[in-house]
Amino acid sequence: MINRIFLVIVSLLLMSGCVSHTTKNRSPQMTPEDTQDAVAAVAPAMAAYAERFIKKDLWNRPELSRRDRSLVTIAALISRNDSAELPHYLNVALDSSVKPAEIAEIITHLAFYAGWPNATTAALVARDVFAQRHINMASLPGENVEFLPLDKEAENKRATMVESNFGKVSPGVVKYTTDALFLDLWLRPGLAPRDRSLVTVSALVTAGQVAQVPYHLNRAMDNGLTQTQASEVLTQLAFVAGWPNIFSALPVFKEVFAGRNPA
């Protein structure tokens, strides 16, 4: 069965007209090489910086594996609804041991954290990349999976906090936060909890949603992301999300690190 979640994301948004202007006008002939050639022609200094700082330096820094850098970058591009760079970095991810099923899970996860339209754009791009690489999309994970174990104590604490703060403000949001996210999405086994947290933090930083970062960064570190790796996530994101978003996130990361390492 073809991945039902991909189909739902794509079909619902195409029917409702919510697919972004970028996706509608994305040329099917556009390739990563075309994009690179365009940058080199129009902004040659930018192309030189990319070669010098991103390709030859950033991606070779030892603080974060190439696989993790791929996850961070894909999450950031989905968060930005960037269909120009995404094909290249999906291929980089697949060449860096990220599985097609993990990419499917990242897109599904970020439908909730970056918005359905952005995830739909990513699904359309990923479909083309998967087809070009002859990936069997019928094998991608669907809705029915065996969930990971639930930490009932932590979930009860989270649910109680959200209900007490926002239950009267928007009971619908509170309901779906529990039912769709924390009792379902976060328990799907196709993406390791650490990696699920990693893409969430990356998407939030890219979108400038720093108020949401402390909870998810702490969760990421509880799930195994080290402080060194978390620090390097910001370095990787600087070139995708832009320096202002990173400097907005730096104090938040600093506070989380301090809270986990009291003097």
C-alpha atoms as a PDB file:
ATOM      1  CA  MET A   1       0.000   0.000   0.000  1.00  0.00           C
ATOM      2  CA  ILE A   2       1.372   3.425  -0.998  1.00  0.00           C
ATOM      3  CA  ASN A   3       2.146   5.548   2.008  1.00  0.00           C
ATOM      4  CA  ARG A   4      -1.298   6.715   3.111  1.00  0.00           C
ATOM      5  CA  ILE A   5       0.035   9.702   4.994  1.00  0.00           C
ATOM      6  CA  PHE A   6       1.828  11.030   1.906  1.00  0.00           C
ATOM      7  CA  LEU A   7      -1.381  10.610  -0.079  1.00  0.00           C
ATOM      8  CA  VAL A   8      -3.509  12.361   2.525  1.00  0.00           C
ATOM      9  CA  ILE A   9      -1.106  15.291   2.798  1.00  0.00           C
ATOM     10  CA  VAL A  10      -0.864  15.734  -0.967  1.00  0.00           C
ATOM     11  CA  SER A  11      -4.488  15.097  -1.948  1.00  0.00           C
ATOM     12  CA  LEU A  12      -6.169  17.191   0.750  1.00  0.00           C
ATOM     13  CA  LEU A  13      -4.065  20.248   0.067  1.00  0.00           C
ATOM     14  CA  LEU A  14      -4.309  19.967  -3.696  1.00  0.00           C
ATOM     15  CA  MET A  15      -8.113  19.731  -3.358  1.00  0.00           C
ATOM     16  CA  SER A  16      -8.305  22.676  -0.981  1.00  0.00           C
ATOM     17  CA  GLY A  17      -5.982  24.872  -3.017  1.00  0.00           C
ATOM     18  CA  CYS A  18      -3.549  25.234  -0.126  1.00  0.00           C
ATOM     19  CA  VAL A  19      -0.431  24.213  -2.043  1.00  0.00           C
ATOM     20  CA  SER A  20       1.961  27.108  -1.993  1.00  0.00           C
ATOM     21  CA  HIS A  21       2.567  29.443  -4.900  1.00  0.00           C
ATOM     22  CA  THR A  22       6.163  28.182  -4.941  1.00  0.00           C
ATOM     23  CA  THR A  23       5.045  24.593  -5.483  1.00  0.00           C
ATOM     24  CA  LYS A  24       2.529  25.468  -8.182  1.00  0.00           C
ATOM     25  CA  ASN A  25       5.173  27.284 -10.174  1.00  0.00           C
ATOM     26  CA  ARG A  26       8.061  24.920  -9.541  1.00  0.00           C
ATOM     27  CA  SER A  27       9.391  23.897 -12.933  1.00  0.00           C
ATOM     28  CA  PRO A  28       9.553  20.117 -13.290  1.00  0.00           C
ATOM     29  CA  GLN A  29      12.702  20.584 -15.367  1.00  0.00           C
ATOM     30  CA  MET A  30      14.534  22.423 -12.596  1.00  0.00           C
ATOM     31  CA  THR A  31      17.390  20.340 -11.163  1.00  0.00           C
ATOM     32  CA  PRO A  32      19.901  20.968  -8.364  1.00  0.00           C
ATOM     33  CA  GLU A  33      22.471  21.647 -11.076  1.00  0.00           C
ATOM     34  CA  ASP A  34      20.183  24.275 -12.613  1.00  0.00           C
ATOM     35  CA  THR A  35      19.837  25.931  -9.225  1.00  0.00           C
ATOM     36  CA  GLN A  36      23.593  25.980  -8.659  1.00  0.00           C
ATOM     37  CA  ASP A  37      24.175  27.350 -12.165  1.00  0.00           C
ATOM     38  CA  ALA A  38      21.623  30.107 -11.560  1.00  0.00           C
ATOM     39  CA  VAL A  39      23.308  31.151  -8.318  1.00  0.00           C
ATOM     40  CA  ALA A  40      26.731  31.119  -9.967  1.00  0.00           C
ATOM     41  CA  ALA A  41      25.437  33.300 -12.817  1.00  0.00           C
ATOM     42  CA  VAL A  42      23.429  35.796 -10.797  1.00  0.00           C
ATOM     43  CA  ALA A  43      25.338  35.859  -7.473  1.00  0.00           C
ATOM     44  CA  PRO A  44      28.859  34.542  -8.121  1.00  0.00           C
ATOM     45  CA  ALA A  45      30.114  35.714  -4.722  1.00  0.00           C
ATOM     46  CA  MET A  46      27.322  33.723  -3.047  1.00  0.00           C
ATOM     47  CA  ALA A  47      28.368  30.647  -5.020  1.00  0.00           C
ATOM     48  CA  ALA A  48      31.959  31.153  -3.902  1.00  0.00           C
ATOM     49  CA  TYR A  49      30.903  31.477  -0.259  1.00  0.00           C
ATOM     50  CA  ALA A  50      28.830  28.294  -0.582  1.00  0.00           C
ATOM     51  CA  GLU A  51      31.802  26.390  -1.960  1.00  0.00           C
ATOM     52  CA  ARG A  52      34.239  27.767   0.611  1.00  0.00           C
ATOM     53  CA  PHE A  53      32.196  27.757   3.814  1.00  0.00           C
ATOM     54  CA  ILE A  54      29.375  25.250   3.283  1.00  0.00           C
ATOM     55  CA  LYS A  55      30.639  22.511   0.982  1.00  0.00           C
ATOM     56  CA  LYS A  56      34.302  22.426   1.972  1.00  0.00           C
ATOM     57  CA  ASP A  57      34.022  23.391   5.646  1.00  0.00           C
ATOM     58  CA  LEU A  58      30.615  23.216   7.355  1.00  0.00           C
ATOM     59  CA  TRP A  59      29.682  19.725   6.169  1.00  0.00           C
ATOM     60  CA  ASN A  60      33.061  18.369   7.294  1.00  0.00           C
ATOM     61  CA  ARG A  61      32.949  19.648  10.869  1.00  0.00           C
ATOM     62  CA  PRO A  62      33.218  16.674  13.269  1.00  0.00           C
ATOM     63  CA  GLU A  63      30.771  17.933  15.899  1.00  0.00           C
ATOM     64  CA  LEU A  64      27.790  16.602  13.954  1.00  0.00           C
ATOM     65  CA  SER A  65      27.652  13.634  11.600  1.00  0.00           C
ATOM     66  CA  ARG A  66      26.804  14.109   7.937  1.00  0.00           C
ATOM     67  CA  ARG A  67      23.588  12.178   8.583  1.00  0.00           C
ATOM     68  CA  ASP A  68      22.559  14.552  11.374  1.00  0.00           C
ATOM     69  CA  ARG A  69      23.452  17.568   9.250  1.00  0.00           C
ATOM     70  CA  SER A  70      21.143  16.172   6.569  1.00  0.00           C
ATOM     71  CA  LEU A  71      18.273  15.830   9.044  1.00  0.00           C
ATOM     72  CA  VAL A  72      18.803  19.380  10.315  1.00  0.00           C
ATOM     73  CA  THR A  73      19.005  20.820   6.806  1.00  0.00           C
ATOM     74  CA  ILE A  74      15.957  18.967   5.481  1.00  0.00           C
ATOM     75  CA  ALA A  75      13.910  20.084   8.480  1.00  0.00           C
ATOM     76  CA  ALA A  76      14.989  23.689   7.963  1.00  0.00           C
ATOM     77  CA  LEU A  77      14.164  23.629   4.249  1.00  0.00           C
ATOM     78  CA  ILE A  78      10.726  22.142   4.915  1.00  0.00           C
ATOM     79  CA  SER A  79      10.146  24.781   7.577  1.00  0.00           C
ATOM     80  CA  ARG A  80      11.010  27.464   5.017  1.00  0.00           C
ATOM     81  CA  ASN A  81       8.918  25.811   2.270  1.00  0.00           C
ATOM     82  CA  ASP A  82      12.044  25.760   0.082  1.00  0.00           C
ATOM     83  CA  SER A  83      11.548  23.569  -2.969  1.00  0.00           C
ATOM     84  CA  ALA A  84      14.653  24.871  -4.776  1.00  0.00           C
ATOM     85  CA  GLU A  85      17.289  23.480  -2.391  1.00  0.00           C
ATOM     86  CA  LEU A  86      15.323  20.502  -1.068  1.00  0.00           C
ATOM     87  CA  PRO A  87      15.936  18.060  -3.973  1.00  0.00           C
ATOM     88  CA  HIS A  88      19.699  18.360  -3.590  1.00  0.00           C
ATOM     89  CA  TYR A  89      19.650  17.863   0.163  1.00  0.00           C
ATOM     90  CA  LEU A  90      17.217  14.965  -0.022  1.00  0.00           C
ATOM     91  CA  ASN A  91      19.772  13.260  -2.247  1.00  0.00           C
ATOM     92  CA  VAL A  92      22.551  14.193   0.177  1.00  0.00           C
ATOM     93  CA  ALA A  93      20.488  12.692   2.997  1.00  0.00           C
ATOM     94  CA  LEU A  94      19.888   9.445   1.111  1.00  0.00           C
ATOM     95  CA  ASP A  95      23.614   9.252   0.333  1.00  0.00           C
ATOM     96  CA  SER A  96      24.320   9.842   4.046  1.00  0.00           C
ATOM     97  CA  SER A  97      22.401   6.790   5.315  1.00  0.00           C
ATOM     98  CA  VAL A  98      19.063   8.494   5.896  1.00  0.00           C
ATOM     99  CA  LYS A  99      16.418   5.956   4.889  1.00  0.00           C
ATOM    100  CA  PRO A 100      13.494   6.808   2.578  1.00  0.00           C
ATOM    101  CA  ALA A 101      11.122   5.764   5.378  1.00  0.00           C
ATOM    102  CA  GLU A 102      12.827   8.262   7.702  1.00  0.00           C
ATOM    103  CA  ILE A 103      12.344  11.032   5.149  1.00  0.00           C
ATOM    104  CA  ALA A 104       8.666  10.079   4.917  1.00  0.00           C
ATOM    105  CA  GLU A 105       8.427  10.316   8.710  1.00  0.00           C
ATOM    106  CA  ILE A 106      10.183  13.694   8.780  1.00  0.00           C
ATOM    107  CA  ILE A 107       7.689  15.090   6.276  1.00  0.00           C
ATOM    108  CA  THR A 108       4.780  13.646   8.240  1.00  0.00           C
ATOM    109  CA  HIS A 109       6.170  14.985  11.530  1.00  0.00           C
ATOM    110  CA  LEU A 110       6.748  18.464  10.178  1.00  0.00           C
ATOM    111  CA  ALA A 111       3.211  18.662   8.800  1.00  0.00           C
ATOM    112  CA  PHE A 112       2.354  19.350  12.446  1.00  0.00           C
ATOM    113  CA  TYR A 113       5.365  21.518  13.330  1.00  0.00           C
ATOM    114  CA  ALA A 114       5.871  23.479  10.100  1.00  0.00           C
ATOM    115  CA  GLY A 115       2.343  23.313   8.693  1.00  0.00           C
ATOM    116  CA  TRP A 116       0.492  21.098   6.239  1.00  0.00           C
ATOM    117  CA  PRO A 117       1.235  23.268   3.151  1.00  0.00           C
ATOM    118  CA  ASN A 118       4.999  23.154   3.788  1.00  0.00           C
ATOM    119  CA  ALA A 119       4.903  19.392   4.258  1.00  0.00           C
ATOM    120  CA  THR A 120       2.909  19.040   1.046  1.00  0.00           C
ATOM    121  CA  THR A 121       5.576  20.926  -0.869  1.00  0.00           C
ATOM    122  CA  ALA A 122       8.165  18.567   0.604  1.00  0.00           C
ATOM    123  CA  ALA A 123       6.082  15.497  -0.295  1.00  0.00           C
ATOM    124  CA  LEU A 124       5.870  16.607  -3.920  1.00  0.00           C
ATOM    125  CA  VAL A 125       9.626  17.191  -4.083  1.00  0.00           C
ATOM    126  CA  ALA A 126      10.415  13.897  -2.309  1.00  0.00           C
ATOM    127  CA  ARG A 127       8.149  11.980  -4.671  1.00  0.00           C
ATOM    128  CA  ASP A 128      10.241  13.190  -7.624  1.00  0.00           C
ATOM    129  CA  VAL A 129      13.532  12.375  -5.887  1.00  0.00           C
ATOM    130  CA  PHE A 130      12.312   8.913  -4.861  1.00  0.00           C
ATOM    131  CA  ALA A 131      11.124   8.207  -8.404  1.00  0.00           C
ATOM    132  CA  GLN A 132      14.468   9.288  -9.873  1.00  0.00           C
ATOM    133  CA  ARG A 133      16.270   6.941  -7.472  1.00  0.00           C
ATOM    134  CA  HIS A 134      13.807   4.088  -8.132  1.00  0.00           C
ATOM    135  CA  ILE A 135      12.772   3.928  -4.481  1.00  0.00           C
ATOM    136  CA  ASN A 136       9.789   1.676  -3.850  1.00  0.00           C
ATOM    137  CA  MET A 137       7.251   4.085  -2.357  1.00  0.00           C
ATOM    138  CA  ALA A 138       4.848   1.221  -1.683  1.00  0.00           C
ATOM    139  CA  SER A 139       7.160   0.199   1.162  1.00  0.00           C
ATOM    140  CA  LEU A 140       6.952   3.525   3.023  1.00  0.00           C
ATOM    141  CA  PRO A 141       5.313   3.420   6.470  1.00  0.00           C
ATOM    142  CA  GLY A 142       1.580   4.038   6.582  1.00  0.00           C
ATOM    143  CA  GLU A 143      -0.786   5.013   9.354  1.00  0.00           C
ATOM    144  CA  ASN A 144      -0.928   1.668  11.143  1.00  0.00           C
ATOM    145  CA  VAL A 145       2.305   0.966  13.011  1.00  0.00           C
ATOM    146  CA  GLU A 146       3.232  -0.518  16.356  1.00  0.00           C
ATOM    147  CA  PHE A 147       3.862   2.454  18.619  1.00  0.00           C
ATOM    148  CA  LEU A 148       6.906   2.940  20.805  1.00  0.00           C
ATOM    149  CA  PRO A 149       6.326   2.662  24.578  1.00  0.00           C
ATOM    150  CA  LEU A 150       4.714   5.688  26.192  1.00  0.00           C
ATOM    151  CA  ASP A 151       6.311   7.369  29.206  1.00  0.00           C
ATOM    152  CA  LYS A 152       3.009   7.764  31.040  1.00  0.00           C
ATOM    153  CA  GLU A 153       4.406   9.855  33.886  1.00  0.00           C
ATOM    154  CA  ALA A 154       6.010  12.397  31.561  1.00  0.00           C
ATOM    155  CA  GLU A 155       2.966  12.512  29.299  1.00  0.00           C
ATOM    156  CA  ASN A 156       0.576  13.011  32.212  1.00  0.00           C
ATOM    157  CA  LYS A 157       2.751  15.872  33.466  1.00  0.00           C
ATOM    158  CA  ARG A 158       2.821  17.496  30.028  1.00  0.00           C
ATOM    159  CA  ALA A 159      -0.902  17.037  29.442  1.00  0.00           C
ATOM    160  CA  THR A 160      -1.809  18.431  32.858  1.00  0.00           C
ATOM    161  CA  MET A 161       0.370  21.499  32.319  1.00  0.00           C
ATOM    162  CA  VAL A 162      -1.096  22.228  28.888  1.00  0.00           C
ATOM    163  CA  GLU A 163      -4.677  21.640  30.044  1.00  0.00           C
ATOM    164  CA  SER A 164      -4.293  23.902  33.076  1.00  0.00           C
ATOM    165  CA  ASN A 165      -2.761  26.715  31.015  1.00  0.00           C
ATOM    166  CA  PHE A 166      -4.758  26.534  27.807  1.00  0.00           C
ATOM    167  CA  GLY A 167      -7.731  24.208  28.256  1.00  0.00           C
ATOM    168  CA  LYS A 168     -10.175  27.129  28.441  1.00  0.00           C
ATOM    169  CA  VAL A 169      -8.400  29.101  25.721  1.00  0.00           C
ATOM    170  CA  SER A 170      -8.604  26.490  22.973  1.00  0.00           C
ATOM    171  CA  PRO A 171      -9.831  23.053  24.036  1.00  0.00           C
ATOM    172  CA  GLY A 172      -9.546  21.836  20.451  1.00  0.00           C
ATOM    173  CA  VAL A 173      -5.829  22.610  20.284  1.00  0.00           C
ATOM    174  CA  VAL A 174      -5.297  20.918  23.646  1.00  0.00           C
ATOM    175  CA  LYS A 175      -7.209  17.834  22.482  1.00  0.00           C
ATOM    176  CA  TYR A 176      -5.264  17.405  19.233  1.00  0.00           C
ATOM    177  CA  THR A 177      -1.952  18.167  20.928  1.00  0.00           C
ATOM    178  CA  THR A 178      -2.562  15.125  23.089  1.00  0.00           C
ATOM    179  CA  ASP A 179      -4.413  12.816  20.680  1.00  0.00           C
ATOM    180  CA  ALA A 180      -2.601  13.523  17.416  1.00  0.00           C
ATOM    181  CA  LEU A 181       0.875  14.525  18.590  1.00  0.00           C
ATOM    182  CA  PHE A 182       1.908  13.018  21.886  1.00  0.00           C
ATOM    183  CA  LEU A 183      -0.248   9.870  21.894  1.00  0.00           C
ATOM    184  CA  ASP A 184       0.350   9.162  18.215  1.00  0.00           C
ATOM    185  CA  LEU A 185       2.902  11.068  16.106  1.00  0.00           C
ATOM    186  CA  TRP A 186       5.692  11.071  18.689  1.00  0.00           C
ATOM    187  CA  LEU A 187       5.272   7.319  19.252  1.00  0.00           C
ATOM    188  CA  ARG A 188       5.730   6.293  15.628  1.00  0.00           C
ATOM    189  CA  PRO A 189       8.776   4.014  15.320  1.00  0.00           C
ATOM    190  CA  GLY A 190       9.948   5.109  11.868  1.00  0.00           C
ATOM    191  CA  LEU A 191      12.105   7.906  13.263  1.00  0.00           C
ATOM    192  CA  ALA A 192      14.177   7.541  16.427  1.00  0.00           C
ATOM    193  CA  PRO A 193      13.010   9.822  19.285  1.00  0.00           C
ATOM    194  CA  ARG A 194      16.342  11.679  19.210  1.00  0.00           C
ATOM    195  CA  ASP A 195      16.003  12.339  15.480  1.00  0.00           C
ATOM    196  CA  ARG A 196      12.355  13.334  15.817  1.00  0.00           C
ATOM    197  CA  SER A 197      13.376  15.879  18.452  1.00  0.00           C
ATOM    198  CA  LEU A 198      16.295  17.023  16.295  1.00  0.00           C
ATOM    199  CA  VAL A 199      14.099  17.872  13.305  1.00  0.00           C
ATOM    200  CA  THR A 200      11.549  19.554  15.571  1.00  0.00           C
ATOM    201  CA  VAL A 201      14.147  21.853  17.135  1.00  0.00           C
ATOM    202  CA  SER A 202      15.633  22.602  13.707  1.00  0.00           C
ATOM    203  CA  ALA A 203      12.239  23.537  12.268  1.00  0.00           C
ATOM    204  CA  LEU A 204      11.369  25.722  15.258  1.00  0.00           C
ATOM    205  CA  VAL A 205      14.661  27.640  15.155  1.00  0.00           C
ATOM    206  CA  THR A 206      14.306  28.154  11.403  1.00  0.00           C
ATOM    207  CA  ALA A 207      10.777  29.498  11.819  1.00  0.00           C
ATOM    208  CA  GLY A 208      11.883  31.842  14.615  1.00  0.00           C
ATOM    209  CA  GLN A 209       9.643  30.037  17.125  1.00  0.00           C
ATOM    210  CA  VAL A 210      12.118  30.353  19.986  1.00  0.00           C
ATOM    211  CA  ALA A 211       9.415  30.290  22.668  1.00  0.00           C
ATOM    212  CA  GLN A 212       8.822  26.638  21.794  1.00  0.00           C
ATOM    213  CA  VAL A 213      12.514  25.701  21.808  1.00  0.00           C
ATOM    214  CA  PRO A 214      13.190  25.125  25.550  1.00  0.00           C
ATOM    215  CA  TYR A 215      10.711  22.254  25.886  1.00  0.00           C
ATOM    216  CA  HIS A 216      11.793  20.569  22.674  1.00  0.00           C
ATOM    217  CA  LEU A 217      15.522  21.137  23.169  1.00  0.00           C
ATOM    218  CA  ASN A 218      15.308  19.614  26.644  1.00  0.00           C
ATOM    219  CA  ARG A 219      13.343  16.726  25.163  1.00  0.00           C
ATOM    220  CA  ALA A 220      15.981  16.295  22.446  1.00  0.00           C
ATOM    221  CA  MET A 221      18.764  16.146  25.032  1.00  0.00           C
ATOM    222  CA  ASP A 222      16.727  13.743  27.162  1.00  0.00           C
ATOM    223  CA  ASN A 223      16.484  11.622  23.998  1.00  0.00           C
ATOM    224  CA  GLY A 224      20.262  11.539  23.556  1.00  0.00           C
ATOM    225  CA  LEU A 225      21.316  14.723  21.739  1.00  0.00           C
ATOM    226  CA  THR A 226      24.509  15.967  23.394  1.00  0.00           C
ATOM    227  CA  GLN A 227      25.234  19.595  24.218  1.00  0.00           C
ATOM    228  CA  THR A 228      28.043  19.618  21.634  1.00  0.00           C
ATOM    229  CA  GLN A 229      25.663  18.315  18.987  1.00  0.00           C
ATOM    230  CA  ALA A 230      22.930  20.763  19.981  1.00  0.00           C
ATOM    231  CA  SER A 231      25.420  23.625  19.729  1.00  0.00           C
ATOM    232  CA  GLU A 232      26.467  22.489  16.262  1.00  0.00           C
ATOM    233  CA  VAL A 233      22.831  22.367  15.140  1.00  0.00           C
ATOM    234  CA  LEU A 234      22.845  26.163  15.404  1.00  0.00           C
ATOM    235  CA  THR A 235      26.016  26.357  13.334  1.00  0.00           C
ATOM    236  CA  GLN A 236      24.453  24.202  10.618  1.00  0.00           C
ATOM    237  CA  LEU A 237      21.221  26.190  10.681  1.00  0.00           C
ATOM    238  CA  ALA A 238      22.948  29.556  10.393  1.00  0.00           C
ATOM    239  CA  PHE A 239      23.445  28.987   6.665  1.00  0.00           C
ATOM    240  CA  VAL A 240      19.833  27.902   6.107  1.00  0.00           C
ATOM    241  CA  ALA A 241      17.774  29.903   8.594  1.00  0.00           C
ATOM    242  CA  GLY A 242      19.973  33.006   8.565  1.00  0.00           C
ATOM    243  CA  TRP A 243      22.041  34.646  11.274  1.00  0.00           C
ATOM    244  CA  PRO A 244      19.191  36.684  12.852  1.00  0.00           C
ATOM    245  CA  ASN A 245      17.189  33.543  13.636  1.00  0.00           C
ATOM    246  CA  ILE A 246      20.286  31.916  15.109  1.00  0.00           C
ATOM    247  CA  PHE A 247      21.116  34.884  17.331  1.00  0.00           C
ATOM    248  CA  SER A 248      17.506  34.877  18.530  1.00  0.00           C
ATOM    249  CA  ALA A 249      17.920  31.199  19.435  1.00  0.00           C
ATOM    250  CA  LEU A 250      21.364  31.479  21.068  1.00  0.00           C
ATOM    251  CA  PRO A 251      20.125  32.908  24.414  1.00  0.00           C
ATOM    252  CA  VAL A 252      17.474  30.181  24.579  1.00  0.00           C
ATOM    253  CA  PHE A 253      20.035  27.429  24.007  1.00  0.00           C
ATOM    254  CA  LYS A 254      22.332  29.071  26.548  1.00  0.00           C
ATOM    255  CA  GLU A 255      19.577  29.054  29.150  1.00  0.00           C
ATOM    256  CA  VAL A 256      18.705  25.406  28.487  1.00  0.00           C
ATOM    257  CA  PHE A 257      22.369  24.370  28.726  1.00  0.00           C
ATOM    258  CA  ALA A 258      22.762  26.291  31.992  1.00  0.00           C
ATOM    259  CA  GLY A 259      19.664  24.693  33.442  1.00  0.00           C
ATOM    260  CA  ARG A 260      20.990  21.226  32.672  1.00  0.00           C
ATOM    261  CA  ASN A 261      24.471  22.010  33.958  1.00  0.00           C
ATOM    262  CA  PRO A 262      24.005  24.024  37.158  1.00  0.00           C
ATOM    263  CA  ALA A 263      27.192  25.602  38.483  1.00  0.00           C
END
